[in-house]
Amino acid sequence: MNWRLVLFVALILASKIWDDESFENDNFAKAFGKYSTQNINHYECVFLKSIDYDLYVKGSDYAKYYYILRVIYIFFFYKKF
């Protein structure tokens, strides 16, 4: 897997966790077209196995990376440093 595919699968899983009525993999396959439903299913399984099915994110980790990404965004898009 390359970083784009890892990000794609991570966002699909995040969507499924965040939304009570998330899209299913066949909907993602139709929407994005690059990957078939079978490919998405496979990549999702590989991703989940690689993280030992641990989808929990501690609040402190979330806050840490939120602020890091926020600083990066401000630096590159607003140059307010």
Protein backbone atom coordinates (compact mmCIF):
# COMPACT_ATOMS: atom_id res chain seq x y z
CA MET A 1 0.00 0.00 0.00
CA ASN A 2 1.19 3.51 -0.72
CA TRP A 3 0.35 6.49 1.46
CA ARG A 4 -2.59 7.57 -0.72
CA LEU A 5 -4.23 4.17 -0.42
CA VAL A 6 -3.60 4.06 3.33
CA LEU A 7 -5.17 7.51 3.68
CA PHE A 8 -8.13 6.49 1.48
CA VAL A 9 -8.84 3.40 3.59
CA ALA A 10 -8.31 5.30 6.85
CA LEU A 11 -10.84 7.92 5.74
CA ILE A 12 -13.35 5.24 4.77
CA LEU A 13 -13.01 3.62 8.20
CA ALA A 14 -13.21 7.00 9.93
CA SER A 15 -16.40 7.71 8.01
CA LYS A 16 -17.86 4.38 9.08
CA ILE A 17 -17.02 5.05 12.72
CA TRP A 18 -18.11 8.69 12.75
CA ASP A 19 -21.42 8.35 10.88
CA ASP A 20 -24.21 6.15 12.16
CA GLU A 21 -25.39 5.64 8.58
CA SER A 22 -22.15 5.58 6.60
CA PHE A 23 -21.75 4.53 3.00
CA GLU A 24 -20.87 0.92 2.30
CA ASN A 25 -17.82 -0.10 0.30
CA ASP A 26 -19.79 -0.50 -2.94
CA ASN A 27 -20.88 3.14 -2.58
CA PHE A 28 -17.26 4.22 -2.10
CA ALA A 29 -16.26 2.17 -5.15
CA LYS A 30 -18.93 3.87 -7.26
CA ALA A 31 -18.06 7.33 -5.94
CA PHE A 32 -14.31 7.08 -6.42
CA GLY A 33 -14.15 4.62 -9.33
CA LYS A 34 -10.44 3.87 -9.01
CA TYR A 35 -10.97 0.83 -6.78
CA SER A 36 -13.54 -1.95 -7.01
CA THR A 37 -15.62 -3.03 -4.04
CA GLN A 38 -13.49 -6.17 -3.77
CA ASN A 39 -10.30 -4.08 -3.72
CA ILE A 40 -11.67 -1.78 -1.03
CA ASN A 41 -12.77 -4.79 1.06
CA HIS A 42 -9.31 -6.30 0.73
CA TYR A 43 -7.47 -3.06 1.55
CA GLU A 44 -9.75 -2.47 4.52
CA CYS A 45 -8.95 -5.94 5.90
CA VAL A 46 -5.20 -5.46 5.39
CA PHE A 47 -5.33 -2.05 7.07
CA LEU A 48 -7.35 -3.32 10.04
CA LYS A 49 -5.05 -6.32 10.54
CA SER A 50 -1.98 -4.07 10.39
CA ILE A 51 -3.33 -1.94 13.26
CA ASP A 52 -4.60 -5.00 15.17
CA TYR A 53 -8.18 -3.74 14.75
CA ASP A 54 -7.41 -0.95 17.24
CA LEU A 55 -9.46 2.01 16.00
CA TYR A 56 -9.57 3.85 19.33
CA VAL A 57 -7.85 7.24 19.43
CA LYS A 58 -7.12 8.78 22.83
CA GLY A 59 -8.34 12.34 23.26
CA SER A 60 -4.81 13.52 24.01
CA ASP A 61 -3.49 12.00 20.76
CA TYR A 62 -6.32 13.56 18.80
CA ALA A 63 -5.63 17.00 20.30
CA LYS A 64 -1.89 16.68 19.72
CA TYR A 65 -2.22 15.90 16.01
CA TYR A 66 -5.09 18.34 15.53
CA TYR A 67 -2.90 21.22 16.66
CA ILE A 68 0.12 20.01 14.68
CA LEU A 69 -1.97 19.83 11.51
CA ARG A 70 -3.55 23.19 12.29
CA VAL A 71 -0.12 24.84 12.54
CA ILE A 72 0.99 23.22 9.29
CA TYR A 73 -2.19 24.40 7.57
CA ILE A 74 -1.79 27.97 8.81
CA PHE A 75 1.88 28.03 7.85
CA PHE A 76 1.36 26.79 4.30
CA PHE A 77 -1.95 28.46 3.47
CA TYR A 78 -1.87 31.70 5.41
CA LYS A 79 1.84 32.35 6.03
CA LYS A 80 0.98 34.07 9.32
CA PHE A 81 4.13 33.08 11.18
